[in-house]
């Protein structure tokens, strides 16, 4: 009987080691890599929530720089105002450092050219690194056609 209990105890300990090794061999993200997401920001009032959501998203799946996700933020209409140099939220905090931080992790920020023309704005008015696309809504549709999931905070 004692020998049988010892074997069961050894088997239990061995299985714990195996499970522990599998957990350590994985990564720290609760979701698998490979998510492709396009966020739409078309109102300045949604800018802070969008930036916060993107940050949380990266925390959960990993960054594009790590090869774990592909995330793009497409702004058009009133969303352009979050991308202007010197633009601040309601608390007076600049958007630019948050945007630059996300860009450094591989998040793309794409601005609609139609919106720029409509507001008589230029690429030089935008945070460095923002890319211009011909149409924000068409860019979103194209991303969705290519497997991106659409999120609007």
C-alpha atoms as a PDB file:
ATOM      1  CA  UNK A   1       0.000   0.000   0.000  1.00  0.00           C
ATOM      2  CA  UNK A   2       2.803   2.427   0.917  1.00  0.00           C
ATOM      3  CA  UNK A   3       4.569   1.675  -2.347  1.00  0.00           C
ATOM      4  CA  UNK A   4       1.359   2.435  -4.272  1.00  0.00           C
ATOM      5  CA  UNK A   5       0.951   5.773  -2.469  1.00  0.00           C
ATOM      6  CA  UNK A   6       4.581   6.664  -3.178  1.00  0.00           C
ATOM      7  CA  UNK A   7       4.055   5.964  -6.880  1.00  0.00           C
ATOM      8  CA  UNK A   8       0.922   8.112  -6.936  1.00  0.00           C
ATOM      9  CA  UNK A   9       2.774  10.916  -5.185  1.00  0.00           C
ATOM     10  CA  UNK A  10       5.668  10.690  -7.666  1.00  0.00           C
ATOM     11  CA  UNK A  11       3.229  10.667 -10.597  1.00  0.00           C
ATOM     12  CA  UNK A  12       1.446  13.708  -9.178  1.00  0.00           C
ATOM     13  CA  UNK A  13       4.733  15.597  -8.686  1.00  0.00           C
ATOM     14  CA  UNK A  14       5.895  14.696 -12.190  1.00  0.00           C
ATOM     15  CA  UNK A  15       2.642  15.936 -13.693  1.00  0.00           C
ATOM     16  CA  UNK A  16       2.998  19.217 -11.804  1.00  0.00           C
ATOM     17  CA  UNK A  17       6.486  19.649 -13.243  1.00  0.00           C
ATOM     18  CA  UNK A  18       5.211  18.968 -16.758  1.00  0.00           C
ATOM     19  CA  UNK A  19       2.310  21.401 -16.406  1.00  0.00           C
ATOM     20  CA  UNK A  20       4.621  24.003 -14.891  1.00  0.00           C
ATOM     21  CA  UNK A  21       7.078  23.568 -17.766  1.00  0.00           C
ATOM     22  CA  UNK A  22       4.314  23.980 -20.344  1.00  0.00           C
ATOM     23  CA  UNK A  23       3.103  27.165 -18.662  1.00  0.00           C
ATOM     24  CA  UNK A  24       6.626  28.576 -18.614  1.00  0.00           C
ATOM     25  CA  UNK A  25       7.272  27.560 -22.214  1.00  0.00           C
ATOM     26  CA  UNK A  26       4.297  29.692 -23.308  1.00  0.00           C
ATOM     27  CA  UNK A  27       4.200  33.459 -23.116  1.00  0.00           C
ATOM     28  CA  UNK A  28       2.696  36.015 -20.804  1.00  0.00           C
ATOM     29  CA  UNK A  29      -0.221  36.964 -23.054  1.00  0.00           C
ATOM     30  CA  UNK A  30      -3.691  35.578 -22.400  1.00  0.00           C
ATOM     31  CA  UNK A  31      -4.574  35.609 -26.138  1.00  0.00           C
ATOM     32  CA  UNK A  32      -2.765  33.962 -29.036  1.00  0.00           C
ATOM     33  CA  UNK A  33      -0.770  36.003 -31.506  1.00  0.00           C
ATOM     34  CA  UNK A  34      -2.143  36.930 -34.905  1.00  0.00           C
ATOM     35  CA  UNK A  35      -4.942  39.396 -34.204  1.00  0.00           C
ATOM     36  CA  UNK A  36      -5.447  42.048 -36.880  1.00  0.00           C
ATOM     37  CA  UNK A  37      -7.502  45.042 -35.746  1.00  0.00           C
ATOM     38  CA  UNK A  38      -8.454  48.419 -37.154  1.00  0.00           C
ATOM     39  CA  UNK A  39      -9.697  51.054 -34.711  1.00  0.00           C
ATOM     40  CA  UNK A  40     -11.814  53.935 -36.018  1.00  0.00           C
ATOM     41  CA  UNK A  41     -11.664  57.357 -34.378  1.00  0.00           C
ATOM     42  CA  UNK A  42     -14.016  59.863 -35.973  1.00  0.00           C
ATOM     43  CA  UNK A  43     -14.748  62.046 -32.935  1.00  0.00           C
ATOM     44  CA  UNK A  44     -12.248  63.831 -30.719  1.00  0.00           C
ATOM     45  CA  UNK A  45     -14.405  62.920 -27.721  1.00  0.00           C
ATOM     46  CA  UNK A  46     -13.465  59.248 -28.298  1.00  0.00           C
ATOM     47  CA  UNK A  47      -9.722  59.840 -28.644  1.00  0.00           C
ATOM     48  CA  UNK A  48      -8.642  59.114 -25.066  1.00  0.00           C
ATOM     49  CA  UNK A  49     -10.790  55.984 -24.892  1.00  0.00           C
ATOM     50  CA  UNK A  50      -9.368  54.771 -28.199  1.00  0.00           C
ATOM     51  CA  UNK A  51      -5.763  55.269 -27.090  1.00  0.00           C
ATOM     52  CA  UNK A  52      -6.480  53.551 -23.791  1.00  0.00           C
ATOM     53  CA  UNK A  53      -8.205  50.639 -25.594  1.00  0.00           C
ATOM     54  CA  UNK A  54      -5.276  50.188 -27.968  1.00  0.00           C
ATOM     55  CA  UNK A  55      -2.875  50.118 -25.010  1.00  0.00           C
ATOM     56  CA  UNK A  56      -4.954  47.484 -23.236  1.00  0.00           C
ATOM     57  CA  UNK A  57      -5.190  45.522 -26.461  1.00  0.00           C
ATOM     58  CA  UNK A  58      -1.398  45.437 -26.750  1.00  0.00           C
ATOM     59  CA  UNK A  59      -1.126  44.339 -23.128  1.00  0.00           C
ATOM     60  CA  UNK A  60      -3.411  41.382 -23.891  1.00  0.00           C
ATOM     61  CA  UNK A  61      -2.056  40.191 -27.247  1.00  0.00           C
ATOM     62  CA  UNK A  62       1.415  41.693 -27.622  1.00  0.00           C
ATOM     63  CA  UNK A  63       2.730  44.312 -29.975  1.00  0.00           C
ATOM     64  CA  UNK A  64       3.183  44.489 -33.728  1.00  0.00           C
ATOM     65  CA  UNK A  65       6.920  45.003 -33.110  1.00  0.00           C
ATOM     66  CA  UNK A  66       6.951  41.600 -31.372  1.00  0.00           C
ATOM     67  CA  UNK A  67       5.115  40.103 -34.350  1.00  0.00           C
ATOM     68  CA  UNK A  68       2.106  39.276 -32.200  1.00  0.00           C
ATOM     69  CA  UNK A  69      -0.534  41.586 -33.701  1.00  0.00           C
ATOM     70  CA  UNK A  70      -1.307  44.092 -36.420  1.00  0.00           C
ATOM     71  CA  UNK A  71      -3.106  47.189 -35.150  1.00  0.00           C
ATOM     72  CA  UNK A  72      -4.042  50.298 -37.083  1.00  0.00           C
ATOM     73  CA  UNK A  73      -5.868  53.408 -35.895  1.00  0.00           C
ATOM     74  CA  UNK A  74      -7.711  55.181 -38.710  1.00  0.00           C
ATOM     75  CA  UNK A  75      -8.839  58.735 -38.019  1.00  0.00           C
ATOM     76  CA  UNK A  76     -11.207  60.820 -40.068  1.00  0.00           C
ATOM     77  CA  UNK A  77     -13.759  63.551 -39.507  1.00  0.00           C
ATOM     78  CA  UNK A  78     -13.379  64.960 -35.963  1.00  0.00           C
ATOM     79  CA  UNK A  79     -10.814  62.274 -35.091  1.00  0.00           C
ATOM     80  CA  UNK A  80      -8.145  64.276 -36.913  1.00  0.00           C
ATOM     81  CA  UNK A  81      -7.922  66.671 -33.981  1.00  0.00           C
ATOM     82  CA  UNK A  82      -6.282  64.046 -31.755  1.00  0.00           C
ATOM     83  CA  UNK A  83      -3.434  63.780 -34.278  1.00  0.00           C
ATOM     84  CA  UNK A  84      -2.624  67.495 -34.423  1.00  0.00           C
ATOM     85  CA  UNK A  85       0.668  68.555 -32.874  1.00  0.00           C
ATOM     86  CA  UNK A  86      -0.038  70.193 -29.525  1.00  0.00           C
ATOM     87  CA  UNK A  87      -3.569  68.786 -29.235  1.00  0.00           C
ATOM     88  CA  UNK A  88      -4.708  68.030 -25.684  1.00  0.00           C
ATOM     89  CA  UNK A  89      -7.510  66.127 -24.013  1.00  0.00           C
ATOM     90  CA  UNK A  90     -10.037  67.620 -21.579  1.00  0.00           C
ATOM     91  CA  UNK A  91      -7.484  67.357 -18.772  1.00  0.00           C
ATOM     92  CA  UNK A  92      -4.911  69.300 -20.749  1.00  0.00           C
ATOM     93  CA  UNK A  93      -2.718  66.244 -21.416  1.00  0.00           C
ATOM     94  CA  UNK A  94      -1.080  66.016 -24.817  1.00  0.00           C
ATOM     95  CA  UNK A  95      -2.165  63.189 -27.104  1.00  0.00           C
ATOM     96  CA  UNK A  96       1.180  63.172 -28.909  1.00  0.00           C
ATOM     97  CA  UNK A  97       3.260  61.295 -26.279  1.00  0.00           C
ATOM     98  CA  UNK A  98       0.611  58.561 -26.055  1.00  0.00           C
ATOM     99  CA  UNK A  99       0.446  58.285 -29.829  1.00  0.00           C
ATOM    100  CA  UNK A 100       4.247  58.191 -30.153  1.00  0.00           C
ATOM    101  CA  UNK A 101       4.415  55.498 -27.471  1.00  0.00           C
ATOM    102  CA  UNK A 102       1.946  53.322 -29.368  1.00  0.00           C
ATOM    103  CA  UNK A 103       3.767  53.969 -32.647  1.00  0.00           C
ATOM    104  CA  UNK A 104       7.026  52.839 -31.030  1.00  0.00           C
ATOM    105  CA  UNK A 105       5.297  49.491 -30.422  1.00  0.00           C
ATOM    106  CA  UNK A 106       4.307  49.203 -34.085  1.00  0.00           C
ATOM    107  CA  UNK A 107       0.772  50.598 -34.047  1.00  0.00           C
ATOM    108  CA  UNK A 108      -0.019  52.436 -37.278  1.00  0.00           C
ATOM    109  CA  UNK A 109      -1.843  55.765 -37.224  1.00  0.00           C
ATOM    110  CA  UNK A 110      -3.546  56.538 -40.531  1.00  0.00           C
ATOM    111  CA  UNK A 111      -5.243  59.856 -41.312  1.00  0.00           C
ATOM    112  CA  UNK A 112      -7.848  60.427 -44.018  1.00  0.00           C
ATOM    113  CA  UNK A 113      -6.680  62.842 -46.754  1.00  0.00           C
ATOM    114  CA  UNK A 114     -10.275  63.930 -47.412  1.00  0.00           C
ATOM    115  CA  UNK A 115     -10.559  65.144 -43.819  1.00  0.00           C
ATOM    116  CA  UNK A 116      -7.274  67.035 -44.067  1.00  0.00           C
ATOM    117  CA  UNK A 117      -8.496  68.861 -47.179  1.00  0.00           C
ATOM    118  CA  UNK A 118     -11.881  69.552 -45.586  1.00  0.00           C
ATOM    119  CA  UNK A 119     -10.235  71.213 -42.583  1.00  0.00           C
ATOM    120  CA  UNK A 120      -7.464  72.888 -44.609  1.00  0.00           C
ATOM    121  CA  UNK A 121      -4.850  70.900 -42.680  1.00  0.00           C
ATOM    122  CA  UNK A 122      -1.533  69.498 -43.884  1.00  0.00           C
ATOM    123  CA  UNK A 123       0.667  66.526 -43.051  1.00  0.00           C
ATOM    124  CA  UNK A 124       3.039  68.935 -41.292  1.00  0.00           C
ATOM    125  CA  UNK A 125       0.231  69.730 -38.804  1.00  0.00           C
ATOM    126  CA  UNK A 126       0.134  66.101 -37.664  1.00  0.00           C
ATOM    127  CA  UNK A 127       2.156  64.162 -35.124  1.00  0.00           C
ATOM    128  CA  UNK A 128       5.304  62.854 -36.793  1.00  0.00           C
ATOM    129  CA  UNK A 129       4.888  59.328 -38.115  1.00  0.00           C
ATOM    130  CA  UNK A 130       1.195  59.554 -39.009  1.00  0.00           C
ATOM    131  CA  UNK A 131       0.556  58.203 -42.497  1.00  0.00           C
ATOM    132  CA  UNK A 132      -1.986  59.715 -44.875  1.00  0.00           C
ATOM    133  CA  UNK A 133      -4.486  57.453 -46.655  1.00  0.00           C
ATOM    134  CA  UNK A 134      -6.745  58.630 -49.502  1.00  0.00           C
ATOM    135  CA  UNK A 135      -9.978  57.814 -47.644  1.00  0.00           C
ATOM    136  CA  UNK A 136     -10.419  56.828 -44.009  1.00  0.00           C
ATOM    137  CA  UNK A 137     -13.626  54.878 -44.529  1.00  0.00           C
ATOM    138  CA  UNK A 138     -12.255  53.107 -47.609  1.00  0.00           C
ATOM    139  CA  UNK A 139      -9.105  52.222 -45.638  1.00  0.00           C
ATOM    140  CA  UNK A 140     -11.237  50.668 -42.899  1.00  0.00           C
ATOM    141  CA  UNK A 141     -13.240  48.692 -45.473  1.00  0.00           C
ATOM    142  CA  UNK A 142     -10.040  47.489 -47.157  1.00  0.00           C
ATOM    143  CA  UNK A 143      -8.562  46.406 -43.835  1.00  0.00           C
ATOM    144  CA  UNK A 144     -11.741  44.487 -43.014  1.00  0.00           C
ATOM    145  CA  UNK A 145     -11.636  42.840 -46.439  1.00  0.00           C
ATOM    146  CA  UNK A 146      -8.113  41.686 -45.546  1.00  0.00           C
ATOM    147  CA  UNK A 147      -9.096  40.067 -42.264  1.00  0.00           C
ATOM    148  CA  UNK A 148      -8.890  42.970 -39.836  1.00  0.00           C
ATOM    149  CA  UNK A 149     -11.556  43.216 -37.128  1.00  0.00           C
ATOM    150  CA  UNK A 150     -13.251  46.610 -36.812  1.00  0.00           C
ATOM    151  CA  UNK A 151     -13.422  48.339 -33.404  1.00  0.00           C
ATOM    152  CA  UNK A 152     -14.949  51.708 -32.705  1.00  0.00           C
ATOM    153  CA  UNK A 153     -14.422  52.868 -29.098  1.00  0.00           C
END
